Protein backbone atom coordinates (compact mmCIF):
# COMPACT_ATOMS: atom_id res chain seq x y z
CA UNK A 1 -15.69 -18.70 -45.64
CA UNK A 2 -17.57 -21.71 -46.90
CA UNK A 3 -16.69 -22.79 -50.40
CA UNK A 4 -18.58 -24.48 -53.22
CA UNK A 5 -15.41 -25.57 -54.96
CA UNK A 6 -15.79 -29.13 -53.68
CA UNK A 7 -18.61 -29.66 -56.13
CA UNK A 8 -17.27 -30.86 -59.45
CA UNK A 9 -18.91 -30.11 -62.77
CA UNK A 10 -21.21 -33.11 -62.82
CA UNK A 11 -22.47 -32.21 -59.34
CA UNK A 12 -23.70 -28.76 -60.32
CA UNK A 13 -27.33 -27.84 -60.44
CA UNK A 14 -29.15 -28.40 -63.71
CA UNK A 15 -32.66 -27.13 -63.72
CA UNK A 16 -34.96 -27.67 -66.70
CA UNK A 17 -38.42 -26.27 -67.00
CA UNK A 18 -41.00 -26.65 -69.69
CA UNK A 19 -43.65 -24.03 -70.07
CA UNK A 20 -47.24 -24.79 -70.98
CA UNK A 21 -49.24 -21.73 -71.90
CA UNK A 22 -53.04 -22.04 -71.69
CA UNK A 23 -55.15 -19.32 -73.22
CA UNK A 24 -57.87 -19.82 -70.63
CA UNK A 25 -55.76 -19.53 -67.51
CA UNK A 26 -52.77 -17.58 -68.91
CA UNK A 27 -50.65 -19.37 -66.33
CA UNK A 28 -47.17 -20.88 -66.28
CA UNK A 29 -47.09 -24.61 -65.65
CA UNK A 30 -43.74 -26.07 -64.86
CA UNK A 31 -43.10 -29.68 -65.76
CA UNK A 32 -40.37 -30.05 -63.22
CA UNK A 33 -36.78 -29.60 -62.44
CA UNK A 34 -33.96 -31.76 -61.26
CA UNK A 35 -31.36 -30.86 -58.69
CA UNK A 36 -28.15 -32.82 -58.68
CA UNK A 37 -26.07 -32.56 -55.57
CA UNK A 38 -26.99 -31.29 -52.10
CA UNK A 39 -25.71 -28.43 -50.04
CA UNK A 40 -26.21 -27.43 -46.46
CA UNK A 41 -28.80 -24.67 -46.00
CA UNK A 42 -27.57 -23.41 -42.63
CA UNK A 43 -25.55 -20.23 -43.30
CA UNK A 44 -23.10 -18.76 -40.87
CA UNK A 45 -23.59 -14.99 -40.91
CA UNK A 46 -20.40 -12.97 -40.89
CA UNK A 47 -20.00 -9.40 -39.73
CA UNK A 48 -19.23 -6.83 -42.44
CA UNK A 49 -15.91 -5.06 -42.35
CA UNK A 50 -15.89 -1.84 -40.36
CA UNK A 51 -15.10 0.33 -43.34
CA UNK A 52 -14.65 4.11 -43.31
CA UNK A 53 -15.81 6.15 -40.32
CA UNK A 54 -17.95 8.43 -42.46
CA UNK A 55 -21.74 8.18 -42.59
CA UNK A 56 -24.30 9.64 -44.99
CA UNK A 57 -27.96 10.34 -44.24
CA UNK A 58 -30.46 10.54 -47.10
CA UNK A 59 -33.98 11.95 -46.92
CA UNK A 60 -36.50 10.05 -49.04
CA UNK A 61 -40.21 10.53 -49.63
CA UNK A 62 -41.16 6.87 -49.26
CA UNK A 63 -39.81 3.89 -47.38
CA UNK A 64 -40.82 0.26 -47.96
CA UNK A 65 -42.98 -1.66 -45.51
CA UNK A 66 -40.92 -4.76 -46.28
CA UNK A 67 -37.48 -5.54 -47.66
CA UNK A 68 -38.82 -8.58 -49.52
CA UNK A 69 -38.25 -7.34 -53.03
CA UNK A 70 -39.22 -10.72 -54.48
CA UNK A 71 -42.92 -10.94 -53.67
CA UNK A 72 -43.40 -7.21 -53.08
CA UNK A 73 -43.46 -4.90 -56.08
CA UNK A 74 -42.50 -1.90 -53.94
CA UNK A 75 -40.66 0.72 -55.97
CA UNK A 76 -39.04 2.03 -52.79
CA UNK A 77 -37.50 -1.34 -51.91
CA UNK A 78 -36.15 -1.76 -55.44
CA UNK A 79 -34.73 1.77 -55.48
CA UNK A 80 -32.84 1.38 -52.20
CA UNK A 81 -31.71 -2.25 -52.35
CA UNK A 82 -30.69 -2.94 -55.95
CA UNK A 83 -27.04 -2.03 -56.63
CA UNK A 84 -26.51 -1.33 -52.92
CA UNK A 85 -27.35 -4.59 -51.14
CA UNK A 86 -28.42 -6.83 -54.00
CA UNK A 87 -26.76 -7.18 -57.39
CA UNK A 88 -28.40 -8.21 -60.64
CA UNK A 89 -27.15 -10.23 -63.59
CA UNK A 90 -27.35 -7.15 -65.80
CA UNK A 91 -27.19 -3.58 -64.56
CA UNK A 92 -28.18 -0.19 -65.97
CA UNK A 93 -26.01 2.90 -66.33
CA UNK A 94 -26.98 6.55 -65.98
CA UNK A 95 -28.02 6.64 -69.65
CA UNK A 96 -30.41 3.69 -69.15
CA UNK A 97 -28.12 1.43 -71.17
CA UNK A 98 -27.65 -2.21 -70.18
CA UNK A 99 -24.23 -3.06 -68.73
CA UNK A 100 -22.60 -6.20 -67.28
CA UNK A 101 -23.49 -6.96 -63.68
CA UNK A 102 -22.95 -10.32 -62.03
CA UNK A 103 -22.95 -11.60 -65.59
CA UNK A 104 -19.70 -10.25 -67.01
CA UNK A 105 -20.77 -11.04 -70.57
CA UNK A 106 -23.52 -12.79 -72.51
CA UNK A 107 -24.20 -14.22 -75.94
CA UNK A 108 -27.54 -14.49 -77.72
CA UNK A 109 -28.17 -17.05 -80.45
CA UNK A 110 -29.22 -15.87 -83.91
CA UNK A 111 -32.79 -17.04 -83.33
CA UNK A 112 -32.83 -15.26 -79.94
CA UNK A 113 -33.93 -18.43 -78.17
CA UNK A 114 -30.73 -19.14 -76.22
CA UNK A 115 -28.93 -16.75 -73.86
CA UNK A 116 -25.57 -17.78 -72.43
CA UNK A 117 -24.22 -15.79 -69.48
CA UNK A 118 -20.74 -15.82 -67.99
CA UNK A 119 -20.98 -15.36 -64.23
CA UNK A 120 -18.29 -13.39 -62.40
CA UNK A 121 -15.66 -15.34 -60.51
CA UNK A 122 -14.63 -14.59 -56.93
CA UNK A 123 -18.00 -13.21 -55.81
CA UNK A 124 -19.35 -13.90 -52.33
CA UNK A 125 -22.52 -13.04 -50.50
CA UNK A 126 -22.26 -10.91 -47.37
CA UNK A 127 -22.43 -14.08 -45.23
CA UNK A 128 -19.30 -15.49 -46.87
CA UNK A 129 -21.01 -18.01 -49.16
CA UNK A 130 -19.71 -18.19 -52.71
CA UNK A 131 -22.00 -16.93 -55.47
CA UNK A 132 -22.01 -18.96 -58.68
CA UNK A 133 -24.29 -20.32 -61.39
CA UNK A 134 -26.12 -22.55 -58.92
CA UNK A 135 -27.46 -19.49 -57.13
CA UNK A 136 -28.50 -17.88 -60.42
CA UNK A 137 -30.53 -20.93 -61.44
CA UNK A 138 -32.04 -21.27 -57.97
CA UNK A 139 -33.03 -17.59 -57.86
CA UNK A 140 -34.82 -17.81 -61.21
CA UNK A 141 -36.45 -21.07 -60.16
CA UNK A 142 -37.85 -19.40 -57.05
CA UNK A 143 -39.20 -16.47 -59.07
CA UNK A 144 -41.08 -18.76 -61.44
CA UNK A 145 -42.41 -21.42 -59.10
CA UNK A 146 -43.51 -18.89 -56.49
CA UNK A 147 -44.76 -16.40 -59.06
CA UNK A 148 -42.80 -13.46 -57.74
CA UNK A 149 -43.48 -9.90 -58.88
CA UNK A 150 -43.08 -9.27 -62.64
CA UNK A 151 -42.20 -12.91 -63.36
CA UNK A 152 -44.06 -12.81 -66.67
CA UNK A 153 -41.32 -10.46 -67.92
CA UNK A 154 -39.06 -13.50 -68.25
CA UNK A 155 -41.15 -14.65 -71.20
CA UNK A 156 -41.76 -18.22 -72.31
CA UNK A 157 -39.00 -20.23 -70.68
CA UNK A 158 -37.96 -23.66 -71.91
CA UNK A 159 -35.06 -24.33 -69.54
CA UNK A 160 -32.50 -22.74 -67.25
CA UNK A 161 -29.25 -24.62 -66.65
CA UNK A 162 -25.72 -24.06 -65.38
CA UNK A 163 -23.33 -26.44 -67.19
CA UNK A 164 -20.52 -25.19 -64.96
CA UNK A 165 -20.05 -22.86 -62.02
CA UNK A 166 -19.64 -19.75 -64.13
CA UNK A 167 -22.01 -20.37 -67.02
CA UNK A 168 -25.80 -20.08 -67.06
CA UNK A 169 -27.95 -20.81 -70.09
CA UNK A 170 -31.54 -19.63 -70.50
CA UNK A 171 -33.54 -21.22 -73.30
CA UNK A 172 -36.81 -19.76 -74.56
CA UNK A 173 -39.61 -21.17 -76.68
CA UNK A 174 -40.15 -17.80 -78.38
CA UNK A 175 -38.08 -14.60 -78.54
CA UNK A 176 -38.21 -12.13 -75.67
CA UNK A 177 -36.33 -8.97 -76.73
CA UNK A 178 -36.67 -7.48 -73.24
CA UNK A 179 -35.28 -10.45 -71.30
CA UNK A 180 -31.98 -8.69 -70.58
CA UNK A 181 -33.88 -5.63 -69.36
CA UNK A 182 -35.91 -7.87 -67.05
CA UNK A 183 -32.69 -9.34 -65.65
CA UNK A 184 -31.47 -5.84 -64.78
CA UNK A 185 -34.31 -5.46 -62.28
CA UNK A 186 -35.77 -7.47 -59.41
CA UNK A 187 -35.91 -10.66 -61.52
CA UNK A 188 -32.16 -10.46 -62.08
CA UNK A 189 -31.24 -10.41 -58.39
CA UNK A 190 -29.11 -13.39 -57.39
CA UNK A 191 -29.93 -14.78 -53.95
CA UNK A 192 -27.97 -17.19 -51.78
CA UNK A 193 -29.44 -20.66 -52.32
CA UNK A 194 -27.86 -21.74 -49.02
CA UNK A 195 -29.35 -18.98 -46.90
CA UNK A 196 -32.00 -21.20 -45.37
CA UNK A 197 -34.97 -19.66 -43.58
CA UNK A 198 -33.98 -16.04 -44.05
CA UNK A 199 -36.74 -13.56 -43.25
CA UNK A 200 -36.46 -11.48 -46.41
CA UNK A 201 -38.99 -8.97 -45.11
CA UNK A 202 -36.47 -7.85 -42.48
CA UNK A 203 -33.11 -9.15 -43.73
CA UNK A 204 -31.17 -9.13 -46.96
CA UNK A 205 -28.24 -11.34 -47.90
CA UNK A 206 -26.78 -9.91 -51.05
CA UNK A 207 -23.48 -9.50 -52.84
CA UNK A 208 -23.46 -5.70 -53.08
CA UNK A 209 -21.23 -3.07 -51.45
CA UNK A 210 -23.55 -2.70 -48.43
CA UNK A 211 -25.44 -4.90 -46.00
CA UNK A 212 -28.67 -4.14 -44.16
CA UNK A 213 -27.76 -3.02 -40.65
CA UNK A 214 -31.12 -1.81 -39.36
CA UNK A 215 -34.61 -1.53 -40.80
CA UNK A 216 -37.71 0.12 -39.36
CA UNK A 217 -40.62 -0.42 -41.77
CA UNK A 218 -41.94 2.77 -43.38
CA UNK A 219 -39.47 4.86 -41.37
CA UNK A 220 -35.77 4.20 -41.91
CA UNK A 221 -33.15 1.88 -43.37
CA UNK A 222 -29.46 1.80 -42.48
CA UNK A 223 -26.91 0.16 -44.76
CA UNK A 224 -23.42 -0.77 -43.58
CA UNK A 225 -20.14 -1.18 -45.45
CA UNK A 226 -19.57 -4.76 -46.65
CA UNK A 227 -16.01 -5.96 -46.28
CA UNK A 228 -16.75 -9.02 -48.45
CA UNK A 229 -17.73 -7.03 -51.54
CA UNK A 230 -15.94 -8.27 -54.66
CA UNK A 231 -15.82 -4.92 -56.43
CA UNK A 232 -14.56 -1.49 -55.47
CA UNK A 233 -15.37 -1.11 -51.78
CA UNK A 234 -17.83 1.53 -50.58
CA UNK A 235 -16.33 4.88 -49.62
CA UNK A 236 -18.53 5.45 -46.56
CA UNK A 237 -19.19 3.28 -43.52
CA UNK A 238 -22.97 3.68 -43.31
CA UNK A 239 -25.84 5.13 -45.30
CA UNK A 240 -29.13 5.82 -43.52
CA UNK A 241 -32.35 6.54 -45.37
CA UNK A 242 -35.00 8.43 -43.40
CA UNK A 243 -38.53 8.99 -44.63
CA UNK A 244 -39.88 12.54 -44.77
CA UNK A 245 -43.55 12.86 -45.64
CA UNK A 246 -43.48 16.59 -44.86
CA UNK A 247 -41.55 18.71 -47.39
CA UNK A 248 -41.10 21.55 -44.91
CA UNK A 249 -39.29 19.22 -42.50
CA UNK A 250 -37.19 17.85 -45.35
CA UNK A 251 -36.19 21.38 -46.35
CA UNK A 252 -35.30 22.15 -42.75
CA UNK A 253 -33.21 18.98 -42.43
CA UNK A 254 -31.27 19.91 -45.58
CA UNK A 255 -30.74 23.47 -44.40
CA UNK A 256 -29.48 22.56 -40.92
CA UNK A 257 -27.31 19.68 -42.14
CA UNK A 258 -29.09 16.90 -40.27
CA UNK A 259 -29.28 15.05 -43.58
CA UNK A 260 -26.69 15.05 -46.37
CA UNK A 261 -28.93 14.46 -49.35
CA UNK A 262 -32.54 14.35 -50.53
CA UNK A 263 -33.13 12.00 -53.44
CA UNK A 264 -35.24 11.89 -55.40
CA UNK A 265 -36.33 15.38 -54.35
CA UNK A 266 -39.46 17.11 -55.59
CA UNK A 267 -39.24 20.21 -57.75
CA UNK A 268 -40.36 22.35 -54.81
CA UNK A 269 -37.65 20.96 -52.52
CA UNK A 270 -35.06 21.54 -55.24
CA UNK A 271 -36.32 25.09 -55.74
CA UNK A 272 -36.09 25.81 -52.01
CA UNK A 273 -32.48 24.58 -51.96
CA UNK A 274 -31.33 26.55 -55.00
CA UNK A 275 -28.77 29.21 -54.10
CA UNK A 276 -28.27 27.97 -50.55
CA UNK A 277 -24.73 27.74 -49.32
CA UNK A 278 -23.28 24.23 -49.00
CA UNK A 279 -26.14 22.65 -51.01
CA UNK A 280 -25.98 21.53 -54.63
CA UNK A 281 -29.06 20.86 -56.77
CA UNK A 282 -28.69 18.41 -59.67
CA UNK A 283 -31.13 17.42 -62.40
CA UNK A 284 -31.25 14.12 -64.25
CA UNK A 285 -33.25 12.20 -66.80
CA UNK A 286 -35.92 9.60 -66.08
CA UNK A 287 -38.24 7.35 -68.08
CA UNK A 288 -41.26 8.80 -66.24
CA UNK A 289 -43.82 9.92 -68.81
CA UNK A 290 -46.69 12.29 -67.88
CA UNK A 291 -49.76 11.95 -70.08
CA UNK A 292 -53.33 13.04 -70.49
CA UNK A 293 -54.80 9.55 -70.72
CA UNK A 294 -57.94 8.82 -72.74
CA UNK A 295 -60.51 6.19 -71.84
CA UNK A 296 -60.95 4.44 -75.18
CA UNK A 297 -63.73 2.17 -73.93
CA UNK A 298 -66.86 1.80 -76.04
CA UNK A 299 -68.96 3.72 -73.47
CA UNK A 300 -66.63 6.74 -73.67
CA UNK A 301 -66.73 9.45 -76.32
CA UNK A 302 -62.95 9.05 -76.44
CA UNK A 303 -63.48 5.77 -78.26
CA UNK A 304 -63.96 7.89 -81.39
CA UNK A 305 -60.61 8.49 -83.10
CA UNK A 306 -61.76 11.88 -84.42
CA UNK A 307 -62.63 13.03 -80.90
CA UNK A 308 -59.21 11.95 -79.63
CA UNK A 309 -57.53 13.73 -82.54
CA UNK A 310 -59.50 16.88 -81.77
CA UNK A 311 -58.31 16.83 -78.18
CA UNK A 312 -54.69 16.43 -79.23
CA UNK A 313 -54.89 19.52 -81.46
CA UNK A 314 -56.81 21.39 -78.75
CA UNK A 315 -54.43 20.71 -75.85
CA UNK A 316 -51.34 22.91 -75.99
CA UNK A 317 -48.94 20.22 -74.80
CA UNK A 318 -45.90 22.45 -75.32
CA UNK A 319 -47.36 25.10 -73.01
CA UNK A 320 -48.21 22.49 -70.38
CA UNK A 321 -44.74 20.96 -70.55
CA UNK A 322 -42.96 24.31 -70.30
CA UNK A 323 -45.05 25.32 -67.28
CA UNK A 324 -44.20 22.26 -65.18
CA UNK A 325 -41.13 22.52 -62.92
CA UNK A 326 -40.44 18.78 -63.25
CA UNK A 327 -40.64 18.76 -67.04
CA UNK A 328 -37.65 17.32 -68.84
CA UNK A 329 -39.09 18.15 -72.25
CA UNK A 330 -42.11 17.77 -74.52
CA UNK A 331 -42.88 14.14 -75.38
CA UNK A 332 -45.53 13.35 -78.02
CA UNK A 333 -45.44 9.55 -77.85
CA UNK A 334 -45.37 6.58 -75.43
CA UNK A 335 -41.57 6.11 -75.38
CA UNK A 336 -39.18 8.45 -73.58
CA UNK A 337 -35.83 9.56 -75.07
CA UNK A 338 -33.75 7.07 -73.08
CA UNK A 339 -35.87 4.01 -73.97
CA UNK A 340 -35.37 1.72 -77.00
CA UNK A 341 -37.57 2.80 -79.89
CA UNK A 342 -37.77 6.50 -79.12
CA UNK A 343 -38.67 8.87 -81.92
CA UNK A 344 -39.53 12.56 -81.65
CA UNK A 345 -43.29 12.56 -82.33
CA UNK A 346 -44.02 16.04 -81.00
CA UNK A 347 -44.79 17.30 -84.52
CA UNK A 348 -47.75 14.99 -85.12
CA UNK A 349 -50.31 17.10 -83.26
CA UNK A 350 -49.17 20.69 -82.78
CA UNK A 351 -51.58 23.02 -81.00
CA UNK A 352 -53.85 24.12 -83.88
CA UNK A 353 -57.16 25.88 -83.17
CA UNK A 354 -58.13 25.96 -86.87
CA UNK A 355 -58.06 22.17 -86.92
CA UNK A 356 -60.06 22.14 -83.69
CA UNK A 357 -62.73 24.53 -85.03
CA UNK A 358 -63.33 22.45 -88.15
CA UNK A 359 -63.56 19.24 -86.15
CA UNK A 360 -65.85 20.56 -83.40
CA UNK A 361 -68.23 22.01 -86.00
CA UNK A 362 -68.29 18.59 -87.66
CA UNK A 363 -69.28 16.89 -84.42
CA UNK A 364 -72.04 19.40 -83.63
CA UNK A 365 -73.77 18.51 -80.38
CA UNK A 366 -72.02 15.13 -80.15
CA UNK A 367 -69.30 16.52 -77.89
CA UNK A 368 -71.20 17.31 -74.71
CA UNK A 369 -69.46 16.64 -71.38
CA UNK A 370 -66.24 14.85 -70.45
CA UNK A 371 -65.43 13.59 -66.96
CA UNK A 372 -61.88 14.64 -66.11
CA UNK A 373 -60.82 12.73 -62.98
CA UNK A 374 -57.52 13.43 -61.21
CA UNK A 375 -55.86 13.22 -57.81
CA UNK A 376 -54.69 16.24 -55.82
CA UNK A 377 -51.14 16.13 -57.14
CA UNK A 378 -52.40 16.92 -60.65
CA UNK A 379 -54.96 19.60 -59.67
CA UNK A 380 -53.15 22.65 -61.07
CA UNK A 381 -52.21 20.94 -64.34
CA UNK A 382 -55.77 19.64 -64.75
CA UNK A 383 -57.17 23.13 -64.20
CA UNK A 384 -54.85 24.49 -66.89
CA UNK A 385 -55.96 21.80 -69.34
CA UNK A 386 -59.61 22.40 -68.50
CA UNK A 387 -59.11 26.10 -69.30
CA UNK A 388 -57.63 25.17 -72.67
CA UNK A 389 -60.62 22.95 -73.47
CA UNK A 390 -62.94 25.78 -72.47
CA UNK A 391 -61.69 27.75 -75.50
CA UNK A 392 -64.32 25.90 -77.54
CA UNK A 393 -68.06 25.79 -76.75
CA UNK A 394 -68.08 22.02 -76.52
CA UNK A 395 -67.36 19.84 -74.65
CA UNK A 396 -68.01 20.96 -71.09
CA UNK A 397 -65.35 19.65 -68.69
CA UNK A 398 -66.48 18.07 -65.44
CA UNK A 399 -63.23 18.27 -63.47
CA UNK A 400 -63.20 16.10 -60.36
CA UNK A 401 -60.29 16.08 -57.91
CA UNK A 402 -60.74 12.95 -55.79
CA UNK A 403 -58.89 11.01 -53.11
CA UNK A 404 -56.36 8.35 -54.10
CA UNK A 405 -58.78 5.62 -53.02
CA UNK A 406 -61.73 7.04 -54.98
CA UNK A 407 -59.47 7.67 -57.96
CA UNK A 408 -58.35 4.05 -58.10
CA UNK A 409 -61.96 2.88 -58.08
CA UNK A 410 -63.10 5.37 -60.72
CA UNK A 411 -60.26 4.47 -63.06
CA UNK A 412 -60.76 0.75 -62.57
CA UNK A 413 -64.51 1.07 -63.12
CA UNK A 414 -63.96 3.06 -66.31
CA UNK A 415 -66.16 5.97 -65.15
CA UNK A 416 -63.96 8.67 -66.68
CA UNK A 417 -62.97 10.10 -70.04
CA UNK A 418 -59.77 11.97 -69.20
CA UNK A 419 -57.16 11.65 -66.46
CA UNK A 420 -53.61 12.77 -65.76
CA UNK A 421 -51.13 10.08 -64.83
CA UNK A 422 -47.54 8.99 -65.27
CA UNK A 423 -45.94 5.81 -66.56
CA UNK A 424 -42.44 5.09 -65.33
CA UNK A 425 -40.86 2.07 -66.89
CA UNK A 426 -38.66 1.12 -69.82
CA UNK A 427 -40.87 -0.67 -72.33
CA UNK A 428 -44.20 0.06 -70.64
CA UNK A 429 -45.73 1.30 -73.92
CA UNK A 430 -47.09 -2.23 -74.35
CA UNK A 431 -49.76 -1.48 -71.75
CA UNK A 432 -51.79 0.32 -74.41
CA UNK A 433 -52.54 -2.91 -76.25
CA UNK A 434 -53.13 -4.91 -73.08
CA UNK A 435 -56.87 -5.78 -73.13
CA UNK A 436 -56.92 -5.57 -69.34
CA UNK A 437 -55.36 -2.12 -69.09
CA UNK A 438 -57.21 0.97 -67.93
CA UNK A 439 -56.99 2.51 -71.41
CA UNK A 440 -59.46 0.04 -73.01
CA UNK A 441 -57.69 0.67 -76.29
CA UNK A 442 -58.60 -1.61 -79.20
CA UNK A 443 -56.66 -1.11 -82.42
CA UNK A 444 -55.69 -4.01 -84.66
CA UNK A 445 -52.76 -2.28 -86.39
CA UNK A 446 -51.24 -1.24 -83.04
CA UNK A 447 -51.63 -4.76 -81.71
CA UNK A 448 -49.92 -6.19 -84.77
CA UNK A 449 -47.10 -3.66 -84.53
CA UNK A 450 -46.48 -4.51 -80.89
CA UNK A 451 -46.60 -8.26 -81.59
CA UNK A 452 -44.00 -7.72 -84.29
CA UNK A 453 -41.75 -5.86 -81.84
CA UNK A 454 -42.07 -8.66 -79.31
CA UNK A 455 -40.95 -11.15 -81.97
CA UNK A 456 -37.73 -9.23 -82.68
CA UNK A 457 -34.52 -11.28 -82.50
CA UNK A 458 -32.00 -8.48 -81.90
CA UNK A 459 -31.82 -5.07 -80.23
CA UNK A 460 -31.90 -2.98 -83.40
CA UNK A 461 -34.85 -4.87 -84.79
CA UNK A 462 -36.70 -4.42 -81.51
CA UNK A 463 -35.97 -0.67 -81.38
CA UNK A 464 -37.08 -0.17 -84.98
CA UNK A 465 -40.32 -2.08 -84.47
CA UNK A 466 -41.08 -0.31 -81.18
CA UNK A 467 -40.58 2.97 -83.02
CA UNK A 468 -43.18 1.90 -85.59
CA UNK A 469 -45.55 0.81 -82.82
CA UNK A 470 -45.17 4.10 -80.96
CA UNK A 471 -45.90 6.08 -84.12
CA UNK A 472 -49.05 4.02 -84.72
CA UNK A 473 -50.27 4.74 -81.19
CA UNK A 474 -49.54 8.44 -81.41
CA UNK A 475 -51.05 8.90 -84.88
CA UNK A 476 -54.23 7.24 -83.63
CA UNK A 477 -54.19 9.56 -80.59
CA UNK A 478 -54.47 6.71 -78.09
CA UNK A 479 -53.59 9.32 -75.45
CA UNK A 480 -51.88 12.70 -75.27
CA UNK A 481 -48.30 12.30 -74.05
CA UNK A 482 -47.25 15.61 -72.51
CA UNK A 483 -43.69 15.44 -71.19
CA UNK A 484 -40.94 13.33 -69.67
CA UNK A 485 -40.14 14.08 -66.05
CA UNK A 486 -36.72 15.02 -64.78
CA UNK A 487 -35.51 14.05 -61.32
CA UNK A 488 -33.81 16.22 -58.73
CA UNK A 489 -31.05 15.54 -56.20
CA UNK A 490 -30.23 18.00 -53.42
CA UNK A 491 -26.93 17.18 -51.72
CA UNK A 492 -24.37 18.66 -49.39
CA UNK A 493 -21.39 20.14 -51.20
CA UNK A 494 -19.28 17.69 -49.15
CA UNK A 495 -20.74 14.74 -51.07
CA UNK A 496 -19.53 13.37 -54.38
CA UNK A 497 -19.98 10.23 -56.45
CA UNK A 498 -23.77 10.02 -56.23
CA UNK A 499 -26.05 9.32 -59.22
CA UNK A 500 -28.30 12.06 -60.61
CA UNK A 501 -30.26 10.23 -63.36
CA UNK A 502 -32.90 7.51 -63.04
CA UNK A 503 -32.84 7.86 -59.24
CA UNK A 504 -36.60 7.41 -59.13
CA UNK A 505 -36.03 3.74 -59.99
CA UNK A 506 -32.53 2.90 -58.67
CA UNK A 507 -30.01 4.71 -56.51
CA UNK A 508 -26.55 3.09 -56.50
CA UNK A 509 -24.51 4.71 -53.70
CA UNK A 510 -21.40 2.55 -53.60
CA UNK A 511 -19.28 5.37 -55.05
CA UNK A 512 -20.58 8.10 -52.71
CA UNK A 513 -17.82 9.86 -50.77
CA UNK A 514 -18.03 12.50 -48.04
CA UNK A 515 -15.44 15.08 -47.10
CA UNK A 516 -14.64 15.22 -43.41
């Protein structure tokens, strides 16, 4: 194993960056960085340890086209690689709470402009190279200079340095209360700065409990036990993910035992597996929020707050939520129960036809026709909502079920009033005040509330201010938030140690065990 211990403290990497924000270009301009010391970039790949003889096969609904999680915002790649092959500075537990990852601890200054991380000792990449603060700085440098996916989530950076091998300091020019959350995802992955010309689309050199053994784009991915892993070693020798686009074939594979698990499974796959011998169905929480979105653009009747309010009283959200097999509970606002800033807002707009009658009579002939545009997956829910709207003489609903391609164009062009969609991300409520978002929502008080939340200097302050922001959005009926989705896992009764929550975003399988 090659070591970095020969580099003394004054030979470590120190990388400073200075951010210039221009309102016209909205771009990051980096003044420069300095690298002290030089290391060989020709890695010697080492074979992973053989590990246990057991193997696990997982059926998934989507498989990435590329393993390059840096430039590619593929949810599938992130779900399969993070916590299995790659590790992040911060990680997330099954309750969506931030936990130590490669950073064993961190401190935040009172003004929230300086974050100091302690990097774990004794960690190596799967090729035998030592992982330390140099690799952390280099990884963040690459994300910024090459504008990798989601890089803006890092906020306004002033500098990133590693004063010693196990300390990394990130300095900001303004607070970013979601920086730690960003470092728990793709931006927090630590790559080997010595890996040279690695083809990240096909290979992965990480520090996790598995290595990439074989990858067939959009078809399958096999992970192998890593004997160099610094933590508790994996309990199985290989894990193979196979894509199933046909639910009937996935059900058959579960029934005949050709796969050990389906995750995340759809509600229909979970229903088909219920009661079957040797299969266990588990449910878990997600941050996936299903909403009836309103086009608040000036050319849409939904730009009128009274119209939006009318629709929220008219739509029986509780009935919709209870009728959906993937519903984890009625929502009422833009933040799910496991996200910072959640408050139960379901009481703001209960289904109330008396309120609707008074409002629709007030509008007279103003409410004429609304274009309700959805994709096939939301057809049945959209039909139920259209039937609810039909309880009043106006408006008439023009329900259009279109292809994914046509849907994307219609939504982008703004030629719609209503649509059904989901938002799956911690902290994504900020999209409602983004002037470039599909919602075209313009509300000064909401913008101010969100700006205040973004200026928070500690977690409690951020949660409290996000709560206020979410209430402002919901009271103004920016959209109609229906329910939070739950996720399903169908697994052989021989399996144990697998996650059941948040598996739509990450699926750590290092603790999975299989009875022989």
